[in-house]
């Protein structure tokens, strides 16, 4: 659809103004993982197949005992080999140390849903 109208758009879930949702990725379970740059967290949403509305099931606030916390995380991707989520830290407004600019891996026991690509058929 080239130019959706306002009537064709719908809100699935609303976050607070300070959560700042950024990157997203679907798990094979249908759950939607949403990076919250302002909340320094990953939100996991369950989307109701009937209504299309979502409920937040969990928030991940960072890998346990990690020397590098989530600091303005920006994007995510699933590593299906390890059932983990790769998370990029922007850390733009964070004070030193510089090692906060990182890609973190956190085990979530889930695999990502393959992305559809134009001109390709998925099995």
PDB file of N, CA and C in Angstrom:
ATOM      1  N   UNK A   1       0.855  -1.163   0.000  1.00  0.00           N
ATOM      2  CA  UNK A   1       0.000   0.000   0.000  1.00  0.00           C
ATOM      3  C   UNK A   1       0.906   1.233   0.000  1.00  0.00           C
ATOM      4  N   UNK A   2       0.757   2.046  -1.011  1.00  0.00           N
ATOM      5  CA  UNK A   2       1.649   3.188  -1.160  1.00  0.00           C
ATOM      6  C   UNK A   2       1.366   4.319  -0.188  1.00  0.00           C
ATOM      7  N   UNK A   3       0.135   4.719  -0.069  1.00  0.00           N
ATOM      8  CA  UNK A   3      -0.208   5.870   0.758  1.00  0.00           C
ATOM      9  C   UNK A   3      -1.397   5.540   1.658  1.00  0.00           C
ATOM     10  N   UNK A   4      -1.127   4.891   2.812  1.00  0.00           N
ATOM     11  CA  UNK A   4      -2.260   4.570   3.689  1.00  0.00           C
ATOM     12  C   UNK A   4      -2.909   5.842   4.233  1.00  0.00           C
ATOM     13  N   UNK A   5      -4.201   5.765   4.416  1.00  0.00           N
ATOM     14  CA  UNK A   5      -4.933   6.883   5.015  1.00  0.00           C
ATOM     15  C   UNK A   5      -4.915   6.730   6.523  1.00  0.00           C
ATOM     16  N   UNK A   6      -5.304   7.778   7.227  1.00  0.00           N
ATOM     17  CA  UNK A   6      -5.372   7.722   8.689  1.00  0.00           C
ATOM     18  C   UNK A   6      -6.305   6.610   9.144  1.00  0.00           C
ATOM     19  N   UNK A   7      -7.362   6.348   8.401  1.00  0.00           N
ATOM     20  CA  UNK A   7      -8.323   5.298   8.768  1.00  0.00           C
ATOM     21  C   UNK A   7      -7.713   3.907   8.643  1.00  0.00           C
ATOM     22  N   UNK A   8      -6.643   3.754   7.874  1.00  0.00           N
ATOM     23  CA  UNK A   8      -6.006   2.455   7.688  1.00  0.00           C
ATOM     24  C   UNK A   8      -4.878   2.198   8.686  1.00  0.00           C
ATOM     25  N   UNK A   9      -4.548   3.174   9.503  1.00  0.00           N
ATOM     26  CA  UNK A   9      -3.516   3.018  10.525  1.00  0.00           C
ATOM     27  C   UNK A   9      -4.182   2.763  11.876  1.00  0.00           C
ATOM     28  N   UNK A  10      -3.598   1.895  12.670  1.00  0.00           N
ATOM     29  CA  UNK A  10      -4.146   1.675  13.998  1.00  0.00           C
ATOM     30  C   UNK A  10      -3.019   1.504  15.010  1.00  0.00           C
ATOM     31  N   UNK A  11      -3.293   1.905  16.219  1.00  0.00           N
ATOM     32  CA  UNK A  11      -2.336   1.786  17.308  1.00  0.00           C
ATOM     33  C   UNK A  11      -2.423   0.384  17.882  1.00  0.00           C
ATOM     34  N   UNK A  12      -1.291  -0.278  18.009  1.00  0.00           N
ATOM     35  CA  UNK A  12      -1.235  -1.623  18.570  1.00  0.00           C
ATOM     36  C   UNK A  12      -0.960  -1.564  20.071  1.00  0.00           C
ATOM     37  N   UNK A  13      -0.084  -0.650  20.471  1.00  0.00           N
ATOM     38  CA  UNK A  13       0.272  -0.498  21.881  1.00  0.00           C
ATOM     39  C   UNK A  13       0.812   0.914  22.070  1.00  0.00           C
ATOM     40  N   UNK A  14       0.552   1.519  23.219  1.00  0.00           N
ATOM     41  CA  UNK A  14       1.028   2.869  23.515  1.00  0.00           C
ATOM     42  C   UNK A  14       1.957   2.823  24.724  1.00  0.00           C
ATOM     43  N   UNK A  15       3.133   3.400  24.563  1.00  0.00           N
ATOM     44  CA  UNK A  15       4.105   3.508  25.646  1.00  0.00           C
ATOM     45  C   UNK A  15       4.041   4.910  26.237  1.00  0.00           C
ATOM     46  N   UNK A  16       4.660   5.090  27.394  1.00  0.00           N
ATOM     47  CA  UNK A  16       4.735   6.424  27.972  1.00  0.00           C
ATOM     48  C   UNK A  16       5.685   7.272  27.128  1.00  0.00           C
ATOM     49  N   UNK A  17       5.585   8.570  27.270  1.00  0.00           N
ATOM     50  CA  UNK A  17       6.423   9.470  26.465  1.00  0.00           C
ATOM     51  C   UNK A  17       7.901   9.322  26.771  1.00  0.00           C
ATOM     52  N   UNK A  18       8.250   8.747  27.915  1.00  0.00           N
ATOM     53  CA  UNK A  18       9.655   8.608  28.291  1.00  0.00           C
ATOM     54  C   UNK A  18      10.256   7.255  27.891  1.00  0.00           C
ATOM     55  N   UNK A  19       9.425   6.315  27.413  1.00  0.00           N
ATOM     56  CA  UNK A  19       9.939   5.009  27.010  1.00  0.00           C
ATOM     57  C   UNK A  19      10.713   5.069  25.692  1.00  0.00           C
ATOM     58  N   UNK A  20      10.289   5.915  24.771  1.00  0.00           N
ATOM     59  CA  UNK A  20      10.941   6.119  23.475  1.00  0.00           C
ATOM     60  C   UNK A  20      11.166   4.815  22.702  1.00  0.00           C
ATOM     61  N   UNK A  21      10.103   4.176  22.215  1.00  0.00           N
ATOM     62  CA  UNK A  21      10.285   2.951  21.426  1.00  0.00           C
ATOM     63  C   UNK A  21      11.103   3.228  20.174  1.00  0.00           C
ATOM     64  N   UNK A  22      11.983   2.278  19.849  1.00  0.00           N
ATOM     65  CA  UNK A  22      12.895   2.469  18.722  1.00  0.00           C
ATOM     66  C   UNK A  22      12.825   1.246  17.815  1.00  0.00           C
ATOM     67  N   UNK A  23      13.777   0.312  17.882  1.00  0.00           N
ATOM     68  CA  UNK A  23      13.800  -0.843  17.001  1.00  0.00           C
ATOM     69  C   UNK A  23      12.823  -1.929  17.421  1.00  0.00           C
ATOM     70  N   UNK A  24      12.429  -2.767  16.446  1.00  0.00           N
ATOM     71  CA  UNK A  24      11.512  -3.872  16.716  1.00  0.00           C
ATOM     72  C   UNK A  24      11.985  -5.138  16.008  1.00  0.00           C
ATOM     73  N   UNK A  25      11.545  -6.291  16.530  1.00  0.00           N
ATOM     74  CA  UNK A  25      11.784  -7.578  15.875  1.00  0.00           C
ATOM     75  C   UNK A  25      10.717  -8.555  16.350  1.00  0.00           C
ATOM     76  N   UNK A  26      10.185  -9.342  15.426  1.00  0.00           N
ATOM     77  CA  UNK A  26       9.210 -10.369  15.774  1.00  0.00           C
ATOM     78  C   UNK A  26       9.914 -11.683  16.071  1.00  0.00           C
ATOM     79  N   UNK A  27       9.473 -12.356  17.127  1.00  0.00           N
ATOM     80  CA  UNK A  27       9.908 -13.715  17.413  1.00  0.00           C
ATOM     81  C   UNK A  27       9.007 -14.673  16.640  1.00  0.00           C
ATOM     82  N   UNK A  28       9.457 -15.905  16.455  1.00  0.00           N
ATOM     83  CA  UNK A  28       8.648 -16.903  15.766  1.00  0.00           C
ATOM     84  C   UNK A  28       7.354 -17.199  16.519  1.00  0.00           C
ATOM     85  N   UNK A  29       7.325 -16.906  17.812  1.00  0.00           N
ATOM     86  CA  UNK A  29       6.111 -17.113  18.612  1.00  0.00           C
ATOM     87  C   UNK A  29       5.040 -16.073  18.305  1.00  0.00           C
ATOM     88  N   UNK A  30       5.411 -15.022  17.562  1.00  0.00           N
ATOM     89  CA  UNK A  30       4.496 -13.930  17.283  1.00  0.00           C
ATOM     90  C   UNK A  30       4.664 -12.762  18.237  1.00  0.00           C
ATOM     91  N   UNK A  31       5.468 -12.947  19.294  1.00  0.00           N
ATOM     92  CA  UNK A  31       5.716 -11.840  20.211  1.00  0.00           C
ATOM     93  C   UNK A  31       6.551 -10.777  19.505  1.00  0.00           C
ATOM     94  N   UNK A  32       6.279  -9.528  19.849  1.00  0.00           N
ATOM     95  CA  UNK A  32       7.014  -8.404  19.286  1.00  0.00           C
ATOM     96  C   UNK A  32       7.959  -7.866  20.352  1.00  0.00           C
ATOM     97  N   UNK A  33       9.249  -7.826  20.031  1.00  0.00           N
ATOM     98  CA  UNK A  33      10.263  -7.271  20.915  1.00  0.00           C
ATOM     99  C   UNK A  33      10.487  -5.826  20.487  1.00  0.00           C
ATOM    100  N   UNK A  34      10.392  -4.902  21.445  1.00  0.00           N
ATOM    101  CA  UNK A  34      10.500  -3.470  21.155  1.00  0.00           C
ATOM    102  C   UNK A  34      11.601  -2.869  22.017  1.00  0.00           C
ATOM    103  N   UNK A  35      12.561  -2.202  21.385  1.00  0.00           N
ATOM    104  CA  UNK A  35      13.627  -1.514  22.115  1.00  0.00           C
ATOM    105  C   UNK A  35      13.065  -0.216  22.676  1.00  0.00           C
ATOM    106  N   UNK A  36      13.288   0.023  23.966  1.00  0.00           N
ATOM    107  CA  UNK A  36      12.850   1.262  24.618  1.00  0.00           C
ATOM    108  C   UNK A  36      14.092   2.064  25.009  1.00  0.00           C
ATOM    109  N   UNK A  37      14.462   3.000  24.143  1.00  0.00           N
ATOM    110  CA  UNK A  37      15.693   3.767  24.351  1.00  0.00           C
ATOM    111  C   UNK A  37      15.622   4.621  25.608  1.00  0.00           C
ATOM    112  N   UNK A  38      14.466   5.203  25.893  1.00  0.00           N
ATOM    113  CA  UNK A  38      14.332   6.062  27.063  1.00  0.00           C
ATOM    114  C   UNK A  38      14.266   5.294  28.366  1.00  0.00           C
ATOM    115  N   UNK A  39      13.717   4.088  28.330  1.00  0.00           N
ATOM    116  CA  UNK A  39      13.580   3.271  29.537  1.00  0.00           C
ATOM    117  C   UNK A  39      14.761   2.322  29.719  1.00  0.00           C
ATOM    118  N   UNK A  40      15.698   2.319  28.769  1.00  0.00           N
ATOM    119  CA  UNK A  40      16.847   1.404  28.823  1.00  0.00           C
ATOM    120  C   UNK A  40      16.383  -0.033  29.029  1.00  0.00           C
ATOM    121  N   UNK A  41      15.476  -0.472  28.160  1.00  0.00           N
ATOM    122  CA  UNK A  41      14.875  -1.790  28.330  1.00  0.00           C
ATOM    123  C   UNK A  41      14.412  -2.344  26.984  1.00  0.00           C
ATOM    124  N   UNK A  42      14.048  -3.620  26.998  1.00  0.00           N
ATOM    125  CA  UNK A  42      13.404  -4.291  25.873  1.00  0.00           C
ATOM    126  C   UNK A  42      12.027  -4.712  26.353  1.00  0.00           C
ATOM    127  N   UNK A  43      11.001  -4.312  25.630  1.00  0.00           N
ATOM    128  CA  UNK A  43       9.621  -4.659  25.954  1.00  0.00           C
ATOM    129  C   UNK A  43       9.208  -5.852  25.093  1.00  0.00           C
ATOM    130  N   UNK A  44       8.526  -6.821  25.700  1.00  0.00           N
ATOM    131  CA  UNK A  44       8.027  -7.975  24.955  1.00  0.00           C
ATOM    132  C   UNK A  44       6.507  -7.909  24.957  1.00  0.00           C
ATOM    133  N   UNK A  45       5.939  -7.791  23.755  1.00  0.00           N
ATOM    134  CA  UNK A  45       4.489  -7.665  23.603  1.00  0.00           C
ATOM    135  C   UNK A  45       3.888  -8.941  23.042  1.00  0.00           C
ATOM    136  N   UNK A  46       2.740  -9.328  23.571  1.00  0.00           N
ATOM    137  CA  UNK A  46       1.905 -10.368  22.976  1.00  0.00           C
ATOM    138  C   UNK A  46       0.812  -9.666  22.203  1.00  0.00           C
ATOM    139  N   UNK A  47       0.631 -10.044  20.956  1.00  0.00           N
ATOM    140  CA  UNK A  47      -0.387  -9.412  20.118  1.00  0.00           C
ATOM    141  C   UNK A  47      -1.547 -10.376  19.944  1.00  0.00           C
ATOM    142  N   UNK A  48      -2.744  -9.927  20.291  1.00  0.00           N
ATOM    143  CA  UNK A  48      -3.954 -10.735  20.184  1.00  0.00           C
ATOM    144  C   UNK A  48      -4.305 -10.908  18.706  1.00  0.00           C
ATOM    145  N   UNK A  49      -4.406 -12.157  18.262  1.00  0.00           N
ATOM    146  CA  UNK A  49      -4.703 -12.441  16.870  1.00  0.00           C
ATOM    147  C   UNK A  49      -6.085 -12.004  16.434  1.00  0.00           C
ATOM    148  N   UNK A  50      -7.011 -11.874  17.371  1.00  0.00           N
ATOM    149  CA  UNK A  50      -8.377 -11.460  17.032  1.00  0.00           C
ATOM    150  C   UNK A  50      -8.496  -9.935  16.917  1.00  0.00           C
ATOM    151  N   UNK A  51      -7.994  -9.238  17.934  1.00  0.00           N
ATOM    152  CA  UNK A  51      -8.180  -7.785  17.988  1.00  0.00           C
ATOM    153  C   UNK A  51      -7.004  -7.003  17.407  1.00  0.00           C
ATOM    154  N   UNK A  52      -5.827  -7.635  17.337  1.00  0.00           N
ATOM    155  CA  UNK A  52      -4.638  -6.933  16.877  1.00  0.00           C
ATOM    156  C   UNK A  52      -4.022  -6.052  17.947  1.00  0.00           C
ATOM    157  N   UNK A  53      -4.610  -6.034  19.138  1.00  0.00           N
ATOM    158  CA  UNK A  53      -4.082  -5.218  20.239  1.00  0.00           C
ATOM    159  C   UNK A  53      -3.028  -6.011  21.011  1.00  0.00           C
ATOM    160  N   UNK A  54      -2.103  -5.303  21.611  1.00  0.00           N
ATOM    161  CA  UNK A  54      -0.993  -5.938  22.316  1.00  0.00           C
ATOM    162  C   UNK A  54      -1.059  -5.668  23.813  1.00  0.00           C
ATOM    163  N   UNK A  55      -0.481  -6.591  24.563  1.00  0.00           N
ATOM    164  CA  UNK A  55      -0.268  -6.402  25.998  1.00  0.00           C
ATOM    165  C   UNK A  55       1.211  -6.661  26.276  1.00  0.00           C
ATOM    166  N   UNK A  56       1.756  -5.849  27.164  1.00  0.00           N
ATOM    167  CA  UNK A  56       3.164  -6.023  27.515  1.00  0.00           C
ATOM    168  C   UNK A  56       3.277  -7.182  28.490  1.00  0.00           C
ATOM    169  N   UNK A  57       4.090  -8.189  28.128  1.00  0.00           N
ATOM    170  CA  UNK A  57       4.270  -9.373  28.962  1.00  0.00           C
ATOM    171  C   UNK A  57       5.472  -9.264  29.891  1.00  0.00           C
ATOM    172  N   UNK A  58       6.499  -8.529  29.433  1.00  0.00           N
ATOM    173  CA  UNK A  58       7.735  -8.482  30.211  1.00  0.00           C
ATOM    174  C   UNK A  58       8.589  -7.323  29.731  1.00  0.00           C
ATOM    175  N   UNK A  59       9.449  -6.821  30.625  1.00  0.00           N
ATOM    176  CA  UNK A  59      10.485  -5.856  30.261  1.00  0.00           C
ATOM    177  C   UNK A  59      11.828  -6.409  30.699  1.00  0.00           C
ATOM    178  N   UNK A  60      12.743  -6.437  29.760  1.00  0.00           N
ATOM    179  CA  UNK A  60      14.102  -6.854  30.066  1.00  0.00           C
ATOM    180  C   UNK A  60      14.921  -5.596  30.304  1.00  0.00           C
ATOM    181  N   UNK A  61      15.534  -5.504  31.468  1.00  0.00           N
ATOM    182  CA  UNK A  61      16.274  -4.292  31.818  1.00  0.00           C
ATOM    183  C   UNK A  61      17.775  -4.438  31.629  1.00  0.00           C
ATOM    184  N   UNK A  62      18.223  -5.547  31.108  1.00  0.00           N
ATOM    185  CA  UNK A  62      19.633  -5.728  30.813  1.00  0.00           C
ATOM    186  C   UNK A  62      20.126  -7.074  31.265  1.00  0.00           C
ATOM    187  N   UNK A  63      21.207  -7.527  30.664  1.00  0.00           N
ATOM    188  CA  UNK A  63      21.774  -8.811  31.050  1.00  0.00           C
ATOM    189  C   UNK A  63      22.221  -8.803  32.509  1.00  0.00           C
ATOM    190  N   UNK A  64      21.844  -9.823  33.249  1.00  0.00           N
ATOM    191  CA  UNK A  64      22.227  -9.941  34.652  1.00  0.00           C
ATOM    192  C   UNK A  64      23.743 -10.004  34.783  1.00  0.00           C
ATOM    193  N   UNK A  65      24.272  -9.245  35.712  1.00  0.00           N
ATOM    194  CA  UNK A  65      25.705  -9.199  36.018  1.00  0.00           C
ATOM    195  C   UNK A  65      26.565  -8.715  34.848  1.00  0.00           C
ATOM    196  N   UNK A  66      25.973  -8.013  33.909  1.00  0.00           N
ATOM    197  CA  UNK A  66      26.749  -7.503  32.785  1.00  0.00           C
ATOM    198  C   UNK A  66      27.514  -6.252  33.204  1.00  0.00           C
ATOM    199  N   UNK A  67      28.782  -6.153  32.820  1.00  0.00           N
ATOM    200  CA  UNK A  67      29.523  -4.927  33.119  1.00  0.00           C
ATOM    201  C   UNK A  67      29.052  -3.752  32.262  1.00  0.00           C
ATOM    202  N   UNK A  68      28.278  -4.059  31.207  1.00  0.00           N
ATOM    203  CA  UNK A  68      27.754  -3.017  30.326  1.00  0.00           C
ATOM    204  C   UNK A  68      26.229  -3.080  30.378  1.00  0.00           C
ATOM    205  N   UNK A  69      25.567  -2.082  30.956  1.00  0.00           N
ATOM    206  CA  UNK A  69      24.105  -2.067  31.011  1.00  0.00           C
ATOM    207  C   UNK A  69      23.511  -1.573  29.691  1.00  0.00           C
ATOM    208  N   UNK A  70      22.193  -1.742  29.528  1.00  0.00           N
ATOM    209  CA  UNK A  70      21.517  -1.100  28.405  1.00  0.00           C
ATOM    210  C   UNK A  70      21.577   0.400  28.637  1.00  0.00           C
ATOM    211  N   UNK A  71      22.098   1.140  27.664  1.00  0.00           N
ATOM    212  CA  UNK A  71      22.144   2.597  27.725  1.00  0.00           C
ATOM    213  C   UNK A  71      21.658   3.122  26.379  1.00  0.00           C
ATOM    214  N   UNK A  72      20.424   3.641  26.367  1.00  0.00           N
ATOM    215  CA  UNK A  72      19.753   4.068  25.139  1.00  0.00           C
ATOM    216  C   UNK A  72      19.864   3.005  24.043  1.00  0.00           C
ATOM    217  N   UNK A  73      19.376   1.772  24.335  1.00  0.00           N
ATOM    218  CA  UNK A  73      19.436   0.746  23.295  1.00  0.00           C
ATOM    219  C   UNK A  73      18.663   1.213  22.065  1.00  0.00           C
ATOM    220  N   UNK A  74      19.141   0.812  20.893  1.00  0.00           N
ATOM    221  CA  UNK A  74      18.579   1.358  19.667  1.00  0.00           C
ATOM    222  C   UNK A  74      17.941   0.318  18.764  1.00  0.00           C
ATOM    223  N   UNK A  75      18.551  -0.833  18.644  1.00  0.00           N
ATOM    224  CA  UNK A  75      18.030  -1.812  17.708  1.00  0.00           C
ATOM    225  C   UNK A  75      18.312  -3.211  18.213  1.00  0.00           C
ATOM    226  N   UNK A  76      17.586  -4.170  17.639  1.00  0.00           N
ATOM    227  CA  UNK A  76      17.722  -5.560  18.059  1.00  0.00           C
ATOM    228  C   UNK A  76      17.640  -6.480  16.847  1.00  0.00           C
ATOM    229  N   UNK A  77      18.221  -7.651  17.005  1.00  0.00           N
ATOM    230  CA  UNK A  77      18.116  -8.719  16.005  1.00  0.00           C
ATOM    231  C   UNK A  77      18.256 -10.039  16.738  1.00  0.00           C
ATOM    232  N   UNK A  78      17.552 -11.041  16.260  1.00  0.00           N
ATOM    233  CA  UNK A  78      17.651 -12.360  16.871  1.00  0.00           C
ATOM    234  C   UNK A  78      18.865 -13.106  16.323  1.00  0.00           C
ATOM    235  N   UNK A  79      19.551 -13.830  17.195  1.00  0.00           N
ATOM    236  CA  UNK A  79      20.582 -14.792  16.813  1.00  0.00           C
ATOM    237  C   UNK A  79      19.951 -16.158  17.041  1.00  0.00           C
ATOM    238  N   UNK A  80      19.382 -16.729  15.999  1.00  0.00           N
ATOM    239  CA  UNK A  80      18.645 -17.986  16.136  1.00  0.00           C
ATOM    240  C   UNK A  80      19.527 -19.156  16.549  1.00  0.00           C
ATOM    241  N   UNK A  81      20.816 -19.076  16.276  1.00  0.00           N
ATOM    242  CA  UNK A  81      21.726 -20.163  16.657  1.00  0.00           C
ATOM    243  C   UNK A  81      21.813 -20.316  18.172  1.00  0.00           C
ATOM    244  N   UNK A  82      21.712 -19.190  18.882  1.00  0.00           N
ATOM    245  CA  UNK A  82      21.889 -19.227  20.346  1.00  0.00           C
ATOM    246  C   UNK A  82      20.620 -18.852  21.101  1.00  0.00           C
ATOM    247  N   UNK A  83      19.508 -18.651  20.370  1.00  0.00           N
ATOM    248  CA  UNK A  83      18.227 -18.240  20.972  1.00  0.00           C
ATOM    249  C   UNK A  83      18.406 -16.962  21.775  1.00  0.00           C
ATOM    250  N   UNK A  84      19.227 -16.079  21.246  1.00  0.00           N
ATOM    251  CA  UNK A  84      19.565 -14.836  21.926  1.00  0.00           C
ATOM    252  C   UNK A  84      19.119 -13.632  21.110  1.00  0.00           C
ATOM    253  N   UNK A  85      19.137 -12.502  21.780  1.00  0.00           N
ATOM    254  CA  UNK A  85      18.811 -11.230  21.166  1.00  0.00           C
ATOM    255  C   UNK A  85      20.078 -10.384  21.185  1.00  0.00           C
ATOM    256  N   UNK A  86      20.425  -9.797  20.050  1.00  0.00           N
ATOM    257  CA  UNK A  86      21.551  -8.869  19.980  1.00  0.00           C
ATOM    258  C   UNK A  86      20.993  -7.463  20.078  1.00  0.00           C
ATOM    259  N   UNK A  87      21.567  -6.659  20.972  1.00  0.00           N
ATOM    260  CA  UNK A  87      21.052  -5.331  21.284  1.00  0.00           C
ATOM    261  C   UNK A  87      22.164  -4.311  21.076  1.00  0.00           C
ATOM    262  N   UNK A  88      21.881  -3.268  20.294  1.00  0.00           N
ATOM    263  CA  UNK A  88      22.871  -2.203  20.133  1.00  0.00           C
ATOM    264  C   UNK A  88      22.638  -1.115  21.172  1.00  0.00           C
ATOM    265  N   UNK A  89      23.705  -0.661  21.769  1.00  0.00           N
ATOM    266  CA  UNK A  89      23.671   0.454  22.716  1.00  0.00           C
ATOM    267  C   UNK A  89      24.087   1.719  21.973  1.00  0.00           C
ATOM    268  N   UNK A  90      23.240   2.745  22.010  1.00  0.00           N
ATOM    269  CA  UNK A  90      23.641   4.031  21.445  1.00  0.00           C
ATOM    270  C   UNK A  90      24.519   4.793  22.419  1.00  0.00           C
ATOM    271  N   UNK A  91      24.087   4.884  23.663  1.00  0.00           N
ATOM    272  CA  UNK A  91      24.859   5.549  24.714  1.00  0.00           C
ATOM    273  C   UNK A  91      25.287   6.957  24.337  1.00  0.00           C
ATOM    274  N   UNK A  92      24.460   7.635  23.541  1.00  0.00           N
ATOM    275  CA  UNK A  92      24.828   8.956  23.032  1.00  0.00           C
ATOM    276  C   UNK A  92      24.995   9.978  24.153  1.00  0.00           C
ATOM    277  N   UNK A  93      24.092   9.958  25.115  1.00  0.00           N
ATOM    278  CA  UNK A  93      24.115  10.957  26.179  1.00  0.00           C
ATOM    279  C   UNK A  93      24.721  10.432  27.468  1.00  0.00           C
ATOM    280  N   UNK A  94      25.311   9.254  27.403  1.00  0.00           N
ATOM    281  CA  UNK A  94      25.882   8.643  28.605  1.00  0.00           C
ATOM    282  C   UNK A  94      27.276   9.210  28.872  1.00  0.00           C
ATOM    283  N   UNK A  95      27.610   9.344  30.143  1.00  0.00           N
ATOM    284  CA  UNK A  95      28.985   9.753  30.470  1.00  0.00           C
ATOM    285  C   UNK A  95      29.947   8.607  30.164  1.00  0.00           C
ATOM    286  N   UNK A  96      31.208   8.879  30.245  1.00  0.00           N
ATOM    287  CA  UNK A  96      32.206   7.827  30.046  1.00  0.00           C
ATOM    288  C   UNK A  96      31.920   6.676  30.990  1.00  0.00           C
ATOM    289  N   UNK A  97      32.280   5.476  30.769  1.00  0.00           N
ATOM    290  CA  UNK A  97      33.306   4.987  29.855  1.00  0.00           C
ATOM    291  C   UNK A  97      32.767   4.765  28.444  1.00  0.00           C
ATOM    292  N   UNK A  98      33.682   4.732  27.506  1.00  0.00           N
ATOM    293  CA  UNK A  98      33.326   4.581  26.098  1.00  0.00           C
ATOM    294  C   UNK A  98      32.864   3.169  25.759  1.00  0.00           C
ATOM    295  N   UNK A  99      33.118   2.201  26.648  1.00  0.00           N
ATOM    296  CA  UNK A  99      32.731   0.829  26.328  1.00  0.00           C
ATOM    297  C   UNK A  99      31.217   0.630  26.355  1.00  0.00           C
ATOM    298  N   UNK A 100      30.443   1.680  26.636  1.00  0.00           N
ATOM    299  CA  UNK A 100      28.986   1.564  26.588  1.00  0.00           C
ATOM    300  C   UNK A 100      28.477   1.477  25.158  1.00  0.00           C
ATOM    301  N   UNK A 101      29.278   1.910  24.167  1.00  0.00           N
ATOM    302  CA  UNK A 101      28.923   1.753  22.762  1.00  0.00           C
ATOM    303  C   UNK A 101      29.241   0.308  22.400  1.00  0.00           C
ATOM    304  N   UNK A 102      28.205  -0.539  22.421  1.00  0.00           N
ATOM    305  CA  UNK A 102      28.456  -1.970  22.301  1.00  0.00           C
ATOM    306  C   UNK A 102      27.265  -2.681  21.679  1.00  0.00           C
ATOM    307  N   UNK A 103      27.505  -3.908  21.249  1.00  0.00           N
ATOM    308  CA  UNK A 103      26.445  -4.828  20.881  1.00  0.00           C
ATOM    309  C   UNK A 103      26.422  -5.893  21.965  1.00  0.00           C
ATOM    310  N   UNK A 104      25.284  -5.998  22.628  1.00  0.00           N
ATOM    311  CA  UNK A 104      25.143  -6.940  23.744  1.00  0.00           C
ATOM    312  C   UNK A 104      24.320  -8.143  23.297  1.00  0.00           C
ATOM    313  N   UNK A 105      24.610  -9.302  23.881  1.00  0.00           N
ATOM    314  CA  UNK A 105      23.845 -10.507  23.598  1.00  0.00           C
ATOM    315  C   UNK A 105      23.146 -10.936  24.885  1.00  0.00           C
ATOM    316  N   UNK A 106      21.826 -11.178  24.788  1.00  0.00           N
ATOM    317  CA  UNK A 106      21.071 -11.630  25.952  1.00  0.00           C
ATOM    318  C   UNK A 106      20.232 -12.835  25.547  1.00  0.00           C
ATOM    319  N   UNK A 107      20.302 -13.903  26.330  1.00  0.00           N
ATOM    320  CA  UNK A 107      19.542 -15.120  26.060  1.00  0.00           C
ATOM    321  C   UNK A 107      18.072 -14.860  26.352  1.00  0.00           C
ATOM    322  N   UNK A 108      17.205 -15.120  25.374  1.00  0.00           N
ATOM    323  CA  UNK A 108      15.760 -14.925  25.551  1.00  0.00           C
ATOM    324  C   UNK A 108      14.970 -16.202  25.277  1.00  0.00           C
ATOM    325  N   UNK A 109      15.664 -17.276  24.906  1.00  0.00           N
ATOM    326  CA  UNK A 109      15.043 -18.566  24.590  1.00  0.00           C
ATOM    327  C   UNK A 109      13.962 -18.414  23.517  1.00  0.00           C
ATOM    328  N   UNK A 110      14.287 -17.652  22.475  1.00  0.00           N
ATOM    329  CA  UNK A 110      13.356 -17.437  21.372  1.00  0.00           C
ATOM    330  C   UNK A 110      14.150 -17.284  20.089  1.00  0.00           C
ATOM    331  N   UNK A 111      13.466 -17.550  18.970  1.00  0.00           N
ATOM    332  CA  UNK A 111      14.068 -17.361  17.656  1.00  0.00           C
ATOM    333  C   UNK A 111      13.298 -16.291  16.912  1.00  0.00           C
ATOM    334  N   UNK A 112      13.992 -15.566  16.058  1.00  0.00           N
ATOM    335  CA  UNK A 112      13.363 -14.513  15.283  1.00  0.00           C
ATOM    336  C   UNK A 112      12.577 -15.057  14.115  1.00  0.00           C
ATOM    337  N   UNK A 113      11.539 -14.345  13.755  1.00  0.00           N
ATOM    338  CA  UNK A 113      10.742 -14.676  12.590  1.00  0.00           C
ATOM    339  C   UNK A 113      11.491 -14.169  11.363  1.00  0.00           C
ATOM    340  N   UNK A 114      11.604 -14.982  10.308  1.00  0.00           N
ATOM    341  CA  UNK A 114      12.334 -14.500   9.132  1.00  0.00           C
ATOM    342  C   UNK A 114      11.649 -13.284   8.523  1.00  0.00           C
ATOM    343  N   UNK A 115      12.449 -12.341   8.094  1.00  0.00           N
ATOM    344  CA  UNK A 115      11.914 -11.141   7.459  1.00  0.00           C
ATOM    345  C   UNK A 115      11.521 -11.447   6.025  1.00  0.00           C
ATOM    346  N   UNK A 116      10.357 -10.993   5.628  1.00  0.00           N
ATOM    347  CA  UNK A 116       9.916 -11.137   4.251  1.00  0.00           C
ATOM    348  C   UNK A 116      10.697 -10.157   3.385  1.00  0.00           C
ATOM    349  N   UNK A 117      11.122 -10.595   2.230  1.00  0.00           N
ATOM    350  CA  UNK A 117      11.851  -9.732   1.317  1.00  0.00           C
ATOM    351  C   UNK A 117      11.109  -9.669  -0.001  1.00  0.00           C
ATOM    352  N   UNK A 118      10.982  -8.497  -0.561  1.00  0.00           N
ATOM    353  CA  UNK A 118      10.279  -8.356  -1.840  1.00  0.00           C
ATOM    354  C   UNK A 118      10.862  -9.287  -2.898  1.00  0.00           C
ATOM    355  N   UNK A 119       9.985  -9.943  -3.638  1.00  0.00           N
ATOM    356  CA  UNK A 119      10.424 -10.805  -4.717  1.00  0.00           C
ATOM    357  C   UNK A 119      10.881 -12.170  -4.286  1.00  0.00           C
ATOM    358  N   UNK A 120      10.775 -12.481  -2.986  1.00  0.00           N
ATOM    359  CA  UNK A 120      11.200 -13.795  -2.502  1.00  0.00           C
ATOM    360  C   UNK A 120      10.023 -14.489  -1.861  1.00  0.00           C
ATOM    361  N   UNK A 121       9.917 -15.770  -2.083  1.00  0.00           N
ATOM    362  CA  UNK A 121       8.871 -16.547  -1.443  1.00  0.00           C
ATOM    363  C   UNK A 121       9.475 -17.301  -0.265  1.00  0.00           C
ATOM    364  N   UNK A 122       8.789 -17.255   0.877  1.00  0.00           N
ATOM    365  CA  UNK A 122       9.233 -17.980   2.051  1.00  0.00           C
ATOM    366  C   UNK A 122       8.427 -19.269   2.167  1.00  0.00           C
ATOM    367  N   UNK A 123       9.096 -20.331   2.557  1.00  0.00           N
ATOM    368  CA  UNK A 123       8.395 -21.616   2.728  1.00  0.00           C
ATOM    369  C   UNK A 123       7.471 -21.592   3.909  1.00  0.00           C
TER     370      UNK A 123
END
